[in-house]
Amino acid sequence: MADHALSAATADSAPVMENMLARARAFAEPLIADETLDTGENTLDHADAVATIVAAMGGSEAMQAASYLVYSCQHLNRPQEVIAKVFGDNFAALAVETTKLVHVQKQARSVTAGVHLSEGAGAQTENVRKMLLAFSRDLRVVMLRLASRLQTLRHAAASKQPASESVARESLQVFAPLANRLGIWQVKWELEDLSFRFLEPDTYKLIARLLDEKRIERESHIEHLRSQLESELLGQGIRAAVQGRPKNIYSIVKKMRGKSLDFEQVFDILALRVVVDDVKDCYAALAWVHARFEPLDAEFDDYIARPKPNGYQSLHTVVRERNEGGLGKPVEIQIRTGQMHDHAEHGVAAHWAYKEAGHKGYAGVWASGEYDAKIAVLRQLLAWERDLSDGEQGRGLFDDRIYVLTPDAAIVELPQGATAVDFAYTVHTTLGHRCRGARVDGAMVPLNTPLANGQTVEIIAAKEGGPSRDWLNAELGYLASHRARAKVRAWFNAQITHETMARGREAVEKVLQREGKTSVKLDDLASQLGFKSADSLFEVVGKDEFSLRNIETLLRPPEPPPDADDGALIRKSRGSEKSAKGGVLVVGVSSLMTQLAKCCKPAPPDAIRGFVTRGHGVSIHRSDCSNYRMMASRDSERVIEVEWGASRPEENAVYAVDVAVEASDRQGLLRDISEVLTREKMNVIGVQTQSVKGTAWMTFTVEITDAARLTQVLNVVAGVSGVRSARRR
């Protein structure tokens, strides 16, 4: 609501305060006298009744006058301007805001009406409740809505035309609890009973019949107790007004259901209220009542010493009358002062005078005495808000939330300052991405226009496309919601990832085409290279974190070895041991086939041993190979002495060895190690990686000409950030 609607009345308010009620009715009558509300009630009759209810709630003549101005708004082209000119800015803002809230709730009911409670109507009702709170910056809006809703239910009951379920349920779940929070119990009880009458007519009629069956007997008994108690208290020097207290039907049903009681077991069907002059008389009266009757200790509550959160104060006790036949039926007795009773009946309205004297208080309302009504009311509304939020702390509906509607009248909660873009992302992420324009209350607005409570927002979306980078610029004001901002960032991040993967796929596919391997399945290729999926491979290739040379090496394997268990054939020795120039020389034997064992992958200048296999020549192992030691201990006669021979320059002999790396897993680790191996001119022909709980284990298969050179390279790899160890396997 605009600040001027929350501030005091303007200077021009004073002249129009005279005869305010009559002037407002005369202003509205030609506009609404022949109009009919959706309920079938004449609009002027409804406004008359609302003004009467407001008066009963403690509202001033000026507040009653507002009842007529609210129903005039829809008949004026520029209601705020017209009403402000005649009655002042304060009343104009009140009328317009209340009318807007009426419209919003009507739209919301049209959605909820066709939805079963378990299918979403409950959530929608809670949103209506929150929206009512959001409009409660001006308490007068709340009071007018409570009075109007009470009259709607009264009219339905009087005309014997049931109120709609959505209206009755909203009254029971939204308006009655709000009246309770504000301490307006007379309105609360009547709202509850009338709502319950339409929601559960059979149960309502049953309880009404049970109450009526012994009504004359009960009323006679209560009147006897009332007059006796009043006279006896006076005899004790306590001046008191004692009244019979009617019990509302809905509270009887709630107590029966909550405590699994029969109708006859509900204590406070018989009830008396004692109103005395001051607090000391309250406790004096209580002492005498407990002496005169038999109290039920479990049913005593002291709400004077410990007031209810909404300010309610009273002593509650349940007693039984002592007589010759034993104890009579339980009777509830409430004891309070006149001031407490006034608050109990009218709540905050008993402490607030609705006047347009701006310097006297909040929204033209002032409080008298030490009781700061404004603070008390706001405290209750905020407490109600916390109840609705399941105790969530630190979030104020008054300060940081607004409620707007979709074109289908669904209520959407947004942060204060939210725009149509925020709204679109809240409704659906895709709608947010494709948002291109917005209509607010039917008019086109810029996408960075802040929204206000009660507005209806319609998004104009493209069939495809994404968000604008301008939306992330805080200075341009397109987004107030952190959630919407995160969704925009996620979209752009996804686009970057998509482009990176596309670039990586293109590079991999070019390698496959160049090597004539286009039939290779990409997922299989990725698996062989140690990746979980082809997309993972494409991403690291696209980021230049994985060398394409690794793929080329995988696609060009060495000549297939013979089918042997121990190792791969490297070469045959030629001639005697004296004439062998390269590979492995078997001492004392010529022209034997030799092969390097896969288990330990020896390379010069490793100390080596030979083991004669069955049908596959001599298998060459490192002397420290565990497999070799096991075989030698089992078949020592098959061990043969071997040594490395000298290679010819043209042969350029290379040996495949495995390197094991353990490191702390991080982004770019594989890329950094690969770069070291490439810089050291190590040809990597295979990679396997595994990461568990932040630790990466990597195995690189590299080609070397001698093991001494490898030791130097491993020292360099060990210096890479995060690497814990680098060793030959």
Foldseek 3Di string as FASTA:
>chain_A
DDPQLWFFFDPVQVVCPPPLQVVLLVVQCVPQQPPADPLRHRQSVLLVQLLVVCVVLQEDSNLSSLSRLLVNQVVDPDQQVVCCVRRNNNSSVLSVLLNLLVVLLVLLLVVLLPDDCVRCSVVLLLLNLLLLLLSCLPVSSLSSVLSSLLSSLVVCVVVVNADRLSSLVSLLPHNLVLCVLLLQVVSNLSSQQSSCCRVPVVLSVVLVCVCPVCVVVLVVVLVVVQVVLQVVLVVVVWHKHKDWDADRPRVLVCVCVVVVDDSLPDQANGEMEIAGADDVSLVVSVVVVVVQFPWDVVFWDACQVPPDLLRQGWTWTWTWGQDPVGTHGIYIYIYYYPVNVLCNNNRLSSFWYQASRRVQDTSNIHGDDPDHSVVSSVSSSQVVVCVSVVNDPDDDSNAFWAWEAEPSSRIDIDTFQAFLLQVLVRVPLQSSFFFDWKDKQRHTDPLQDGDHHSIYMYTDGDPDGGDDPVCLVVVVRNGDDPVSNVSNVVVVVVVVLVVLLVQLVVVLCVLCVVLVNNVDDQQVLCVQQAHNGSSVRSNCVSVVLDDCLLSVLQSDDPDAAPPDDFFRWDDWAADAQVPGAFAKHFHPDHGWTEGEGPQFFDAPPAAWWWFQDDPRTIYIDRPPRPVVVVVCVVCVVRITGMHGHHDDPVVLDKTKFKKKWKFFDDPSLSSVLVVLCVVLVWRWNHKHWDDDPRMIIMMTITIDNHVVSVVVSQVVSCPPPGIDHMGTD
